[in-house]
Amino acid sequence: VVVSNHDTTWTRKIYQQAVLHSVQVGRSISQKGSSRGKVAELFAVYQAMPVPRLQQLAVTPQKAG
């Protein structure tokens, strides 16, 4: 699973169990057009956890009759 959010102290704390990657991304939304620029975006990558193997149930054959 990959989650992205602004790279802040808070987001780093809530995603601390993941592998974190920070990249600079362009933002096209801002109150002032002149201040639109690059900001840090955080990608939190969670690895799949192995599913424990189910133990096979022992089946005891019943005698006929």
PDB file of N, CA and C in Angstrom:
ATOM      1  N   VAL A   1       0.855  -1.168   0.000  1.00  0.00           N
ATOM      2  CA  VAL A   1       0.000   0.000   0.000  1.00  0.00           C
ATOM      3  C   VAL A   1       0.899   1.229   0.000  1.00  0.00           C
ATOM      4  N   VAL A   2       0.549   2.212  -0.811  1.00  0.00           N
ATOM      5  CA  VAL A   2       1.292   3.469  -0.857  1.00  0.00           C
ATOM      6  C   VAL A   2       0.341   4.604  -0.499  1.00  0.00           C
ATOM      7  N   VAL A   3       0.787   5.454   0.426  1.00  0.00           N
ATOM      8  CA  VAL A   3       0.008   6.612   0.862  1.00  0.00           C
ATOM      9  C   VAL A   3       0.856   7.843   0.590  1.00  0.00           C
ATOM     10  N   SER A   4       0.247   8.930   0.111  1.00  0.00           N
ATOM     11  CA  SER A   4       1.006  10.164  -0.076  1.00  0.00           C
ATOM     12  C   SER A   4       0.336  11.300   0.688  1.00  0.00           C
ATOM     13  N   ASN A   5       1.179  12.241   1.138  1.00  0.00           N
ATOM     14  CA  ASN A   5       0.704  13.384   1.903  1.00  0.00           C
ATOM     15  C   ASN A   5       1.826  14.417   1.920  1.00  0.00           C
ATOM     16  N   HIS A   6       1.527  15.610   2.405  1.00  0.00           N
ATOM     17  CA  HIS A   6       2.576  16.619   2.561  1.00  0.00           C
ATOM     18  C   HIS A   6       3.639  16.096   3.515  1.00  0.00           C
ATOM     19  N   ASP A   7       4.886  16.414   3.248  1.00  0.00           N
ATOM     20  CA  ASP A   7       5.984  15.965   4.102  1.00  0.00           C
ATOM     21  C   ASP A   7       6.111  16.919   5.288  1.00  0.00           C
ATOM     22  N   THR A   8       5.546  16.529   6.404  1.00  0.00           N
ATOM     23  CA  THR A   8       5.613  17.320   7.634  1.00  0.00           C
ATOM     24  C   THR A   8       6.040  16.415   8.782  1.00  0.00           C
ATOM     25  N   THR A   9       6.389  17.023   9.894  1.00  0.00           N
ATOM     26  CA  THR A   9       6.741  16.250  11.085  1.00  0.00           C
ATOM     27  C   THR A   9       5.584  15.348  11.492  1.00  0.00           C
ATOM     28  N   TRP A  10       4.372  15.885  11.423  1.00  0.00           N
ATOM     29  CA  TRP A  10       3.185  15.122  11.819  1.00  0.00           C
ATOM     30  C   TRP A  10       2.966  13.912  10.918  1.00  0.00           C
ATOM     31  N   THR A  11       3.061  14.099   9.584  1.00  0.00           N
ATOM     32  CA  THR A  11       2.834  12.964   8.686  1.00  0.00           C
ATOM     33  C   THR A  11       3.936  11.923   8.846  1.00  0.00           C
ATOM     34  N   ARG A  12       5.155  12.356   9.082  1.00  0.00           N
ATOM     35  CA  ARG A  12       6.234  11.395   9.326  1.00  0.00           C
ATOM     36  C   ARG A  12       5.968  10.575  10.582  1.00  0.00           C
ATOM     37  N   LYS A  13       5.376  11.222  11.580  1.00  0.00           N
ATOM     38  CA  LYS A  13       5.071  10.510  12.821  1.00  0.00           C
ATOM     39  C   LYS A  13       3.965   9.479  12.608  1.00  0.00           C
ATOM     40  N   ILE A  14       2.895   9.860  11.908  1.00  0.00           N
ATOM     41  CA  ILE A  14       1.784   8.913  11.754  1.00  0.00           C
ATOM     42  C   ILE A  14       2.111   7.773  10.794  1.00  0.00           C
ATOM     43  N   TYR A  15       3.069   7.985   9.891  1.00  0.00           N
ATOM     44  CA  TYR A  15       3.452   6.939   8.948  1.00  0.00           C
ATOM     45  C   TYR A  15       4.801   6.314   9.299  1.00  0.00           C
ATOM     46  N   GLN A  16       5.227   6.420  10.536  1.00  0.00           N
ATOM     47  CA  GLN A  16       6.570   5.986  10.916  1.00  0.00           C
ATOM     48  C   GLN A  16       6.814   4.483  10.740  1.00  0.00           C
ATOM     49  N   GLN A  17       5.770   3.686  10.674  1.00  0.00           N
ATOM     50  CA  GLN A  17       5.933   2.240  10.491  1.00  0.00           C
ATOM     51  C   GLN A  17       6.177   1.864   9.028  1.00  0.00           C
ATOM     52  N   ALA A  18       6.047   2.821   8.132  1.00  0.00           N
ATOM     53  CA  ALA A  18       6.224   2.561   6.702  1.00  0.00           C
ATOM     54  C   ALA A  18       7.636   2.948   6.268  1.00  0.00           C
ATOM     55  N   VAL A  19       7.983   2.561   5.046  1.00  0.00           N
ATOM     56  CA  VAL A  19       9.211   3.043   4.414  1.00  0.00           C
ATOM     57  C   VAL A  19       8.855   4.390   3.796  1.00  0.00           C
ATOM     58  N   LEU A  20       9.590   5.453   4.170  1.00  0.00           N
ATOM     59  CA  LEU A  20       9.233   6.812   3.749  1.00  0.00           C
ATOM     60  C   LEU A  20      10.148   7.310   2.636  1.00  0.00           C
ATOM     61  N   HIS A  21       9.538   7.987   1.661  1.00  0.00           N
ATOM     62  CA  HIS A  21      10.269   8.603   0.551  1.00  0.00           C
ATOM     63  C   HIS A  21       9.743  10.025   0.391  1.00  0.00           C
ATOM     64  N   SER A  22      10.644  10.990   0.338  1.00  0.00           N
ATOM     65  CA  SER A  22      10.249  12.382   0.156  1.00  0.00           C
ATOM     66  C   SER A  22      10.682  12.852  -1.231  1.00  0.00           C
ATOM     67  N   VAL A  23       9.764  13.497  -1.939  1.00  0.00           N
ATOM     68  CA  VAL A  23      10.061  14.026  -3.271  1.00  0.00           C
ATOM     69  C   VAL A  23       9.516  15.448  -3.376  1.00  0.00           C
ATOM     70  N   GLN A  24      10.095  16.230  -4.260  1.00  0.00           N
ATOM     71  CA  GLN A  24       9.613  17.581  -4.529  1.00  0.00           C
ATOM     72  C   GLN A  24       8.599  17.499  -5.668  1.00  0.00           C
ATOM     73  N   VAL A  25       7.422  18.063  -5.445  1.00  0.00           N
ATOM     74  CA  VAL A  25       6.370  18.036  -6.463  1.00  0.00           C
ATOM     75  C   VAL A  25       5.841  19.444  -6.694  1.00  0.00           C
ATOM     76  N   GLY A  26       5.365  19.698  -7.896  1.00  0.00           N
ATOM     77  CA  GLY A  26       4.774  20.990  -8.224  1.00  0.00           C
ATOM     78  C   GLY A  26       3.331  21.056  -7.759  1.00  0.00           C
ATOM     79  N   ARG A  27       2.948  22.190  -7.236  1.00  0.00           N
ATOM     80  CA  ARG A  27       1.559  22.410  -6.819  1.00  0.00           C
ATOM     81  C   ARG A  27       0.979  23.503  -7.700  1.00  0.00           C
ATOM     82  N   SER A  28      -0.161  23.222  -8.309  1.00  0.00           N
ATOM     83  CA  SER A  28      -0.780  24.214  -9.184  1.00  0.00           C
ATOM     84  C   SER A  28      -1.875  24.998  -8.475  1.00  0.00           C
ATOM     85  N   ILE A  29      -2.126  24.696  -7.210  1.00  0.00           N
ATOM     86  CA  ILE A  29      -3.154  25.405  -6.450  1.00  0.00           C
ATOM     87  C   ILE A  29      -2.481  26.210  -5.349  1.00  0.00           C
ATOM     88  N   SER A  30      -2.716  27.514  -5.364  1.00  0.00           N
ATOM     89  CA  SER A  30      -2.193  28.406  -4.339  1.00  0.00           C
ATOM     90  C   SER A  30      -2.984  29.700  -4.418  1.00  0.00           C
ATOM     91  N   GLN A  31      -3.075  30.391  -3.294  1.00  0.00           N
ATOM     92  CA  GLN A  31      -3.810  31.656  -3.287  1.00  0.00           C
ATOM     93  C   GLN A  31      -3.167  32.652  -4.244  1.00  0.00           C
ATOM     94  N   LYS A  32      -1.846  32.696  -4.230  1.00  0.00           N
ATOM     95  CA  LYS A  32      -1.111  33.594  -5.122  1.00  0.00           C
ATOM     96  C   LYS A  32      -0.460  32.777  -6.223  1.00  0.00           C
ATOM     97  N   GLY A  33      -0.741  33.146  -7.438  1.00  0.00           N
ATOM     98  CA  GLY A  33      -0.149  32.434  -8.559  1.00  0.00           C
ATOM     99  C   GLY A  33       1.363  32.485  -8.564  1.00  0.00           C
ATOM    100  N   SER A  34       1.931  33.578  -8.075  1.00  0.00           N
ATOM    101  CA  SER A  34       3.385  33.722  -8.081  1.00  0.00           C
ATOM    102  C   SER A  34       4.066  32.822  -7.059  1.00  0.00           C
ATOM    103  N   SER A  35       3.310  32.339  -6.069  1.00  0.00           N
ATOM    104  CA  SER A  35       3.933  31.504  -5.038  1.00  0.00           C
ATOM    105  C   SER A  35       3.753  30.011  -5.303  1.00  0.00           C
ATOM    106  N   ARG A  36       3.195  29.686  -6.458  1.00  0.00           N
ATOM    107  CA  ARG A  36       3.057  28.271  -6.799  1.00  0.00           C
ATOM    108  C   ARG A  36       4.429  27.718  -7.141  1.00  0.00           C
ATOM    109  N   GLY A  37       4.778  26.684  -6.468  1.00  0.00           N
ATOM    110  CA  GLY A  37       6.095  26.109  -6.718  1.00  0.00           C
ATOM    111  C   GLY A  37       6.150  24.679  -6.235  1.00  0.00           C
ATOM    112  N   LYS A  38       7.347  24.244  -5.952  1.00  0.00           N
ATOM    113  CA  LYS A  38       7.541  22.865  -5.515  1.00  0.00           C
ATOM    114  C   LYS A  38       7.466  22.775  -4.001  1.00  0.00           C
ATOM    115  N   VAL A  39       6.880  21.681  -3.547  1.00  0.00           N
ATOM    116  CA  VAL A  39       6.778  21.397  -2.114  1.00  0.00           C
ATOM    117  C   VAL A  39       7.160  19.937  -1.894  1.00  0.00           C
ATOM    118  N   ALA A  40       7.476  19.618  -0.650  1.00  0.00           N
ATOM    119  CA  ALA A  40       7.851  18.243  -0.315  1.00  0.00           C
ATOM    120  C   ALA A  40       6.602  17.383  -0.142  1.00  0.00           C
ATOM    121  N   GLU A  41       6.600  16.258  -0.822  1.00  0.00           N
ATOM    122  CA  GLU A  41       5.515  15.279  -0.711  1.00  0.00           C
ATOM    123  C   GLU A  41       6.117  13.998  -0.137  1.00  0.00           C
ATOM    124  N   LEU A  42       5.393  13.379   0.768  1.00  0.00           N
ATOM    125  CA  LEU A  42       5.879  12.174   1.428  1.00  0.00           C
ATOM    126  C   LEU A  42       5.101  10.965   0.923  1.00  0.00           C
ATOM    127  N   PHE A  43       5.830   9.938   0.506  1.00  0.00           N
ATOM    128  CA  PHE A  43       5.222   8.669   0.134  1.00  0.00           C
ATOM    129  C   PHE A  43       5.552   7.663   1.223  1.00  0.00           C
ATOM    130  N   ALA A  44       4.520   7.081   1.806  1.00  0.00           N
ATOM    131  CA  ALA A  44       4.681   6.051   2.830  1.00  0.00           C
ATOM    132  C   ALA A  44       4.329   4.713   2.191  1.00  0.00           C
ATOM    133  N   VAL A  45       5.287   3.813   2.160  1.00  0.00           N
ATOM    134  CA  VAL A  45       5.098   2.520   1.506  1.00  0.00           C
ATOM    135  C   VAL A  45       5.029   1.433   2.574  1.00  0.00           C
ATOM    136  N   TYR A  46       3.898   0.761   2.620  1.00  0.00           N
ATOM    137  CA  TYR A  46       3.704  -0.345   3.554  1.00  0.00           C
ATOM    138  C   TYR A  46       3.881  -1.653   2.799  1.00  0.00           C
ATOM    139  N   GLN A  47       4.741  -2.513   3.300  1.00  0.00           N
ATOM    140  CA  GLN A  47       4.974  -3.817   2.688  1.00  0.00           C
ATOM    141  C   GLN A  47       3.871  -4.781   3.109  1.00  0.00           C
ATOM    142  N   ALA A  48       3.560  -5.713   2.235  1.00  0.00           N
ATOM    143  CA  ALA A  48       2.565  -6.732   2.567  1.00  0.00           C
ATOM    144  C   ALA A  48       3.111  -7.621   3.671  1.00  0.00           C
ATOM    145  N   MET A  49       2.260  -7.943   4.608  1.00  0.00           N
ATOM    146  CA  MET A  49       2.666  -8.828   5.693  1.00  0.00           C
ATOM    147  C   MET A  49       2.357 -10.265   5.298  1.00  0.00           C
ATOM    148  N   PRO A  50       3.270 -11.189   5.613  1.00  0.00           N
ATOM    149  CA  PRO A  50       2.998 -12.587   5.266  1.00  0.00           C
ATOM    150  C   PRO A  50       1.816 -13.124   6.061  1.00  0.00           C
ATOM    151  N   VAL A  51       1.007 -13.890   5.388  1.00  0.00           N
ATOM    152  CA  VAL A  51      -0.145 -14.513   6.037  1.00  0.00           C
ATOM    153  C   VAL A  51       0.323 -15.847   6.607  1.00  0.00           C
ATOM    154  N   PRO A  52       0.080 -16.095   7.889  1.00  0.00           N
ATOM    155  CA  PRO A  52       0.526 -17.375   8.462  1.00  0.00           C
ATOM    156  C   PRO A  52      -0.145 -18.549   7.753  1.00  0.00           C
ATOM    157  N   ARG A  53       0.617 -19.595   7.573  1.00  0.00           N
ATOM    158  CA  ARG A  53       0.052 -20.791   6.933  1.00  0.00           C
ATOM    159  C   ARG A  53      -0.943 -21.440   7.886  1.00  0.00           C
ATOM    160  N   LEU A  54      -2.033 -21.857   7.320  1.00  0.00           N
ATOM    161  CA  LEU A  54      -3.021 -22.570   8.128  1.00  0.00           C
ATOM    162  C   LEU A  54      -2.527 -23.990   8.359  1.00  0.00           C
ATOM    163  N   GLN A  55      -2.659 -24.442   9.563  1.00  0.00           N
ATOM    164  CA  GLN A  55      -2.265 -25.816   9.855  1.00  0.00           C
ATOM    165  C   GLN A  55      -3.325 -26.746   9.293  1.00  0.00           C
ATOM    166  N   GLN A  56      -2.860 -27.807   8.674  1.00  0.00           N
ATOM    167  CA  GLN A  56      -3.806 -28.779   8.125  1.00  0.00           C
ATOM    168  C   GLN A  56      -4.453 -29.530   9.279  1.00  0.00           C
ATOM    169  N   LEU A  57      -5.729 -29.716   9.153  1.00  0.00           N
ATOM    170  CA  LEU A  57      -6.451 -30.471  10.174  1.00  0.00           C
ATOM    171  C   LEU A  57      -6.178 -31.956   9.987  1.00  0.00           C
ATOM    172  N   ALA A  58      -5.902 -32.625  11.073  1.00  0.00           N
ATOM    173  CA  ALA A  58      -5.682 -34.072  11.008  1.00  0.00           C
ATOM    174  C   ALA A  58      -7.034 -34.758  10.890  1.00  0.00           C
ATOM    175  N   VAL A  59      -7.167 -35.561   9.889  1.00  0.00           N
ATOM    176  CA  VAL A  59      -8.419 -36.288   9.679  1.00  0.00           C
ATOM    177  C   VAL A  59      -8.152 -37.760   9.972  1.00  0.00           C
ATOM    178  N   THR A  60      -8.906 -38.299  10.890  1.00  0.00           N
ATOM    179  CA  THR A  60      -8.765 -39.711  11.239  1.00  0.00           C
ATOM    180  C   THR A  60      -9.828 -40.504  10.494  1.00  0.00           C
ATOM    181  N   PRO A  61      -9.395 -41.426   9.632  1.00  0.00           N
ATOM    182  CA  PRO A  61     -10.389 -42.214   8.895  1.00  0.00           C
ATOM    183  C   PRO A  61     -11.205 -43.086   9.853  1.00  0.00           C
ATOM    184  N   GLN A  62     -12.478 -43.178   9.563  1.00  0.00           N
ATOM    185  CA  GLN A  62     -13.356 -44.023  10.377  1.00  0.00           C
ATOM    186  C   GLN A  62     -13.483 -45.391   9.725  1.00  0.00           C
ATOM    187  N   LYS A  63     -13.560 -46.411  10.563  1.00  0.00           N
ATOM    188  CA  LYS A  63     -13.715 -47.774  10.046  1.00  0.00           C
ATOM    189  C   LYS A  63     -15.152 -47.982   9.581  1.00  0.00           C
ATOM    190  N   ALA A  64     -15.291 -48.652   8.463  1.00  0.00           N
ATOM    191  CA  ALA A  64     -16.630 -48.952   7.937  1.00  0.00           C
ATOM    192  C   ALA A  64     -17.289 -50.022   8.794  1.00  0.00           C
ATOM    193  N   GLY A  65     -18.566 -49.878   8.981  1.00  0.00           N
ATOM    194  CA  GLY A  65     -19.295 -50.964   9.544  1.00  0.00           C
ATOM    195  C   GLY A  65     -19.775 -50.874  10.876  1.00  0.00           C
TER     196      GLY A  65
END
